[in-house]
Amino acid sequence: MSEAEAPTLYDQIGGLDTFRRLVDAFYARVERDPVLRPLYPESLREPRDHLALFLAQYFGGPTTYSEMRGHPRLRARHLRFAIGQRERDAWVRHMTGALYETNVSEPALSEMREYFEQAATFLINQDWPGRRPTDEIL
């Protein structure tokens, strides 16, 4: 099988249904987390849908997310939230737990966990509480 014919990670883990289960497991943790819960709107329905579609697309599935919302622009979409090391670590902890709960197996597990750790680090926008790195230029 050529590389072009190789199944995507999206296909390997079971498609959109698996991503929806992963996101449900993640948000069940977020709902109980005093660090992360305040960052989300009262209803988690829309964030669940967006995250499931984004992850499905990122890992080789349909481009529904971009068709609905445009370019992901992860950093720009998250700038309005104060994300420091504590929030990043909580997010990664909950997503890692959701990966195990959803029974994502290797090698997809390691690939996804690595992406989540890197993406969460990229979204940090606070050097210390109350100050964003961009405050000096505003």
C-alpha atoms as a PDB file:
ATOM      1  CA  MET A   1       0.000   0.000   0.000  1.00  0.00           C
ATOM      2  CA  SER A   2       1.426   3.411  -0.937  1.00  0.00           C
ATOM      3  CA  GLU A   3       1.551   6.321   1.469  1.00  0.00           C
ATOM      4  CA  ALA A   4      -1.257   7.992  -0.469  1.00  0.00           C
ATOM      5  CA  GLU A   5      -3.447   4.942   0.130  1.00  0.00           C
ATOM      6  CA  ALA A   6      -2.564   4.538   3.805  1.00  0.00           C
ATOM      7  CA  PRO A   7      -5.519   5.024   6.110  1.00  0.00           C
ATOM      8  CA  THR A   8      -5.567   8.306   7.986  1.00  0.00           C
ATOM      9  CA  LEU A   9      -5.551   8.429  11.750  1.00  0.00           C
ATOM     10  CA  TYR A  10      -9.199   9.460  11.420  1.00  0.00           C
ATOM     11  CA  ASP A  11      -9.909   6.124   9.723  1.00  0.00           C
ATOM     12  CA  GLN A  12      -7.629   4.132  12.029  1.00  0.00           C
ATOM     13  CA  ILE A  13      -9.496   5.093  15.181  1.00  0.00           C
ATOM     14  CA  GLY A  14     -13.011   4.730  13.806  1.00  0.00           C
ATOM     15  CA  GLY A  15     -13.979   8.037  12.246  1.00  0.00           C
ATOM     16  CA  LEU A  16     -16.243  10.765  13.532  1.00  0.00           C
ATOM     17  CA  ASP A  17     -18.046   8.538  16.039  1.00  0.00           C
ATOM     18  CA  THR A  18     -14.774   7.968  17.898  1.00  0.00           C
ATOM     19  CA  PHE A  19     -13.922  11.663  17.858  1.00  0.00           C
ATOM     20  CA  ARG A  20     -17.362  12.469  19.268  1.00  0.00           C
ATOM     21  CA  ARG A  21     -16.857   9.909  22.068  1.00  0.00           C
ATOM     22  CA  LEU A  22     -13.411  11.352  22.768  1.00  0.00           C
ATOM     23  CA  VAL A  23     -14.794  14.882  22.992  1.00  0.00           C
ATOM     24  CA  ASP A  24     -17.696  13.746  25.197  1.00  0.00           C
ATOM     25  CA  ALA A  25     -15.240  12.080  27.592  1.00  0.00           C
ATOM     26  CA  PHE A  26     -13.085  15.211  27.590  1.00  0.00           C
ATOM     27  CA  TYR A  27     -15.963  17.597  28.312  1.00  0.00           C
ATOM     28  CA  ALA A  28     -17.301  15.350  31.085  1.00  0.00           C
ATOM     29  CA  ARG A  29     -13.980  16.077  32.811  1.00  0.00           C
ATOM     30  CA  VAL A  30     -14.064  19.789  31.968  1.00  0.00           C
ATOM     31  CA  GLU A  31     -17.526  20.104  33.520  1.00  0.00           C
ATOM     32  CA  ARG A  32     -16.049  19.121  36.907  1.00  0.00           C
ATOM     33  CA  ASP A  33     -12.811  21.091  36.649  1.00  0.00           C
ATOM     34  CA  PRO A  34     -12.634  24.357  38.631  1.00  0.00           C
ATOM     35  CA  VAL A  35      -9.735  25.633  36.488  1.00  0.00           C
ATOM     36  CA  LEU A  36     -11.185  24.973  33.032  1.00  0.00           C
ATOM     37  CA  ARG A  37     -14.954  25.170  33.494  1.00  0.00           C
ATOM     38  CA  PRO A  38     -15.002  28.987  33.864  1.00  0.00           C
ATOM     39  CA  LEU A  39     -13.347  29.343  30.442  1.00  0.00           C
ATOM     40  CA  TYR A  40     -16.310  27.743  28.659  1.00  0.00           C
ATOM     41  CA  PRO A  41     -19.852  28.970  28.004  1.00  0.00           C
ATOM     42  CA  GLU A  42     -22.712  27.659  30.123  1.00  0.00           C
ATOM     43  CA  SER A  43     -23.750  25.229  27.388  1.00  0.00           C
ATOM     44  CA  LEU A  44     -20.978  22.980  26.153  1.00  0.00           C
ATOM     45  CA  ARG A  45     -22.932  21.750  23.131  1.00  0.00           C
ATOM     46  CA  GLU A  46     -21.318  24.123  20.643  1.00  0.00           C
ATOM     47  CA  PRO A  47     -17.745  23.694  21.914  1.00  0.00           C
ATOM     48  CA  ARG A  48     -18.251  19.895  21.765  1.00  0.00           C
ATOM     49  CA  ASP A  49     -19.358  20.061  18.157  1.00  0.00           C
ATOM     50  CA  HIS A  50     -16.552  22.397  17.150  1.00  0.00           C
ATOM     51  CA  LEU A  51     -13.840  20.335  18.843  1.00  0.00           C
ATOM     52  CA  ALA A  52     -15.068  17.020  17.426  1.00  0.00           C
ATOM     53  CA  LEU A  53     -15.214  18.414  13.896  1.00  0.00           C
ATOM     54  CA  PHE A  54     -11.853  20.155  14.233  1.00  0.00           C
ATOM     55  CA  LEU A  55     -10.089  17.035  15.517  1.00  0.00           C
ATOM     56  CA  ALA A  56     -11.705  14.850  12.875  1.00  0.00           C
ATOM     57  CA  GLN A  57     -10.476  17.226  10.177  1.00  0.00           C
ATOM     58  CA  TYR A  58      -7.003  17.642  11.669  1.00  0.00           C
ATOM     59  CA  PHE A  59      -6.459  13.896  11.823  1.00  0.00           C
ATOM     60  CA  GLY A  60      -7.489  13.258   8.225  1.00  0.00           C
ATOM     61  CA  GLY A  61     -11.272  13.263   8.186  1.00  0.00           C
ATOM     62  CA  PRO A  62     -13.737  15.428   6.299  1.00  0.00           C
ATOM     63  CA  THR A  63     -13.212  19.194   6.116  1.00  0.00           C
ATOM     64  CA  THR A  64     -16.582  19.975   7.694  1.00  0.00           C
ATOM     65  CA  TYR A  65     -15.010  22.163  10.376  1.00  0.00           C
ATOM     66  CA  SER A  66     -13.377  24.514   7.848  1.00  0.00           C
ATOM     67  CA  GLU A  67     -16.454  24.518   5.638  1.00  0.00           C
ATOM     68  CA  MET A  68     -18.551  25.670   8.595  1.00  0.00           C
ATOM     69  CA  ARG A  69     -16.115  27.942  10.434  1.00  0.00           C
ATOM     70  CA  GLY A  70     -13.301  28.833   8.062  1.00  0.00           C
ATOM     71  CA  HIS A  71      -9.624  28.368   8.847  1.00  0.00           C
ATOM     72  CA  PRO A  72      -9.137  26.956  12.375  1.00  0.00           C
ATOM     73  CA  ARG A  73      -6.958  29.913  13.527  1.00  0.00           C
ATOM     74  CA  LEU A  74      -6.423  28.160  16.863  1.00  0.00           C
ATOM     75  CA  ARG A  75      -4.313  30.840  18.499  1.00  0.00           C
ATOM     76  CA  ALA A  76      -6.584  33.699  17.400  1.00  0.00           C
ATOM     77  CA  ARG A  77      -9.727  31.865  18.523  1.00  0.00           C
ATOM     78  CA  HIS A  78      -8.247  31.272  21.982  1.00  0.00           C
ATOM     79  CA  LEU A  79      -6.688  34.687  22.677  1.00  0.00           C
ATOM     80  CA  ARG A  80      -9.765  35.903  24.543  1.00  0.00           C
ATOM     81  CA  PHE A  81      -9.171  33.231  27.199  1.00  0.00           C
ATOM     82  CA  ALA A  82      -6.476  33.542  29.854  1.00  0.00           C
ATOM     83  CA  ILE A  83      -4.446  30.393  29.242  1.00  0.00           C
ATOM     84  CA  GLY A  84      -1.438  29.825  31.438  1.00  0.00           C
ATOM     85  CA  GLN A  85       0.556  26.742  32.337  1.00  0.00           C
ATOM     86  CA  ARG A  86      -2.111  25.636  34.832  1.00  0.00           C
ATOM     87  CA  GLU A  87      -4.892  25.748  32.231  1.00  0.00           C
ATOM     88  CA  ARG A  88      -2.691  24.061  29.640  1.00  0.00           C
ATOM     89  CA  ASP A  89      -1.794  21.242  32.022  1.00  0.00           C
ATOM     90  CA  ALA A  90      -5.416  20.696  33.064  1.00  0.00           C
ATOM     91  CA  TRP A  91      -6.519  20.596  29.421  1.00  0.00           C
ATOM     92  CA  VAL A  92      -3.824  18.056  28.502  1.00  0.00           C
ATOM     93  CA  ARG A  93      -4.604  15.928  31.581  1.00  0.00           C
ATOM     94  CA  HIS A  94      -8.302  15.756  30.693  1.00  0.00           C
ATOM     95  CA  MET A  95      -7.700  15.085  27.014  1.00  0.00           C
ATOM     96  CA  THR A  96      -5.184  12.346  27.844  1.00  0.00           C
ATOM     97  CA  GLY A  97      -7.703  10.762  30.204  1.00  0.00           C
ATOM     98  CA  ALA A  98     -10.330  10.945  27.466  1.00  0.00           C
ATOM     99  CA  LEU A  99      -7.962   9.208  25.016  1.00  0.00           C
ATOM    100  CA  TYR A 100      -7.573   6.289  27.422  1.00  0.00           C
ATOM    101  CA  GLU A 101     -11.289   6.202  28.248  1.00  0.00           C
ATOM    102  CA  THR A 102     -12.105   6.096  24.541  1.00  0.00           C
ATOM    103  CA  ASN A 103      -9.643   3.207  24.092  1.00  0.00           C
ATOM    104  CA  VAL A 104      -7.572   4.881  21.408  1.00  0.00           C
ATOM    105  CA  SER A 105      -4.758   2.435  20.751  1.00  0.00           C
ATOM    106  CA  GLU A 106      -1.169   2.799  19.606  1.00  0.00           C
ATOM    107  CA  PRO A 107       0.252   4.244  17.456  1.00  0.00           C
ATOM    108  CA  ALA A 108      -2.670   6.696  17.218  1.00  0.00           C
ATOM    109  CA  LEU A 109      -2.630   7.261  20.988  1.00  0.00           C
ATOM    110  CA  SER A 110       0.944   8.558  21.003  1.00  0.00           C
ATOM    111  CA  GLU A 111       0.442  10.677  17.888  1.00  0.00           C
ATOM    112  CA  MET A 112      -2.678  12.298  19.273  1.00  0.00           C
ATOM    113  CA  ARG A 113      -1.203  12.830  22.730  1.00  0.00           C
ATOM    114  CA  GLU A 114       1.855  14.508  21.208  1.00  0.00           C
ATOM    115  CA  TYR A 115      -0.337  16.811  19.118  1.00  0.00           C
ATOM    116  CA  PHE A 116      -2.477  17.738  22.134  1.00  0.00           C
ATOM    117  CA  GLU A 117       0.570  18.559  24.260  1.00  0.00           C
ATOM    118  CA  GLN A 118       2.085  20.728  21.524  1.00  0.00           C
ATOM    119  CA  ALA A 119      -1.162  22.487  20.614  1.00  0.00           C
ATOM    120  CA  ALA A 120      -1.992  23.226  24.256  1.00  0.00           C
ATOM    121  CA  THR A 121       1.466  24.690  24.794  1.00  0.00           C
ATOM    122  CA  PHE A 122       1.080  26.828  21.658  1.00  0.00           C
ATOM    123  CA  LEU A 123      -2.136  28.312  23.085  1.00  0.00           C
ATOM    124  CA  ILE A 124      -0.545  29.602  26.302  1.00  0.00           C
ATOM    125  CA  ASN A 125      -1.003  33.356  26.252  1.00  0.00           C
ATOM    126  CA  GLN A 126      -0.114  34.340  29.818  1.00  0.00           C
ATOM    127  CA  ASP A 127       3.374  34.767  31.276  1.00  0.00           C
ATOM    128  CA  TRP A 128       1.937  35.109  34.764  1.00  0.00           C
ATOM    129  CA  PRO A 129      -1.527  35.769  36.192  1.00  0.00           C
ATOM    130  CA  GLY A 130      -3.086  38.966  34.906  1.00  0.00           C
ATOM    131  CA  ARG A 131      -0.614  39.688  32.111  1.00  0.00           C
ATOM    132  CA  ARG A 132      -0.629  38.598  28.500  1.00  0.00           C
ATOM    133  CA  PRO A 133       2.620  38.687  26.493  1.00  0.00           C
ATOM    134  CA  THR A 134       0.990  41.189  24.120  1.00  0.00           C
ATOM    135  CA  ASP A 135       0.146  43.709  26.887  1.00  0.00           C
ATOM    136  CA  GLU A 136       3.441  45.549  26.388  1.00  0.00           C
ATOM    137  CA  ILE A 137       2.652  46.431  22.768  1.00  0.00           C
ATOM    138  CA  LEU A 138      -0.981  47.431  23.248  1.00  0.00           C
END
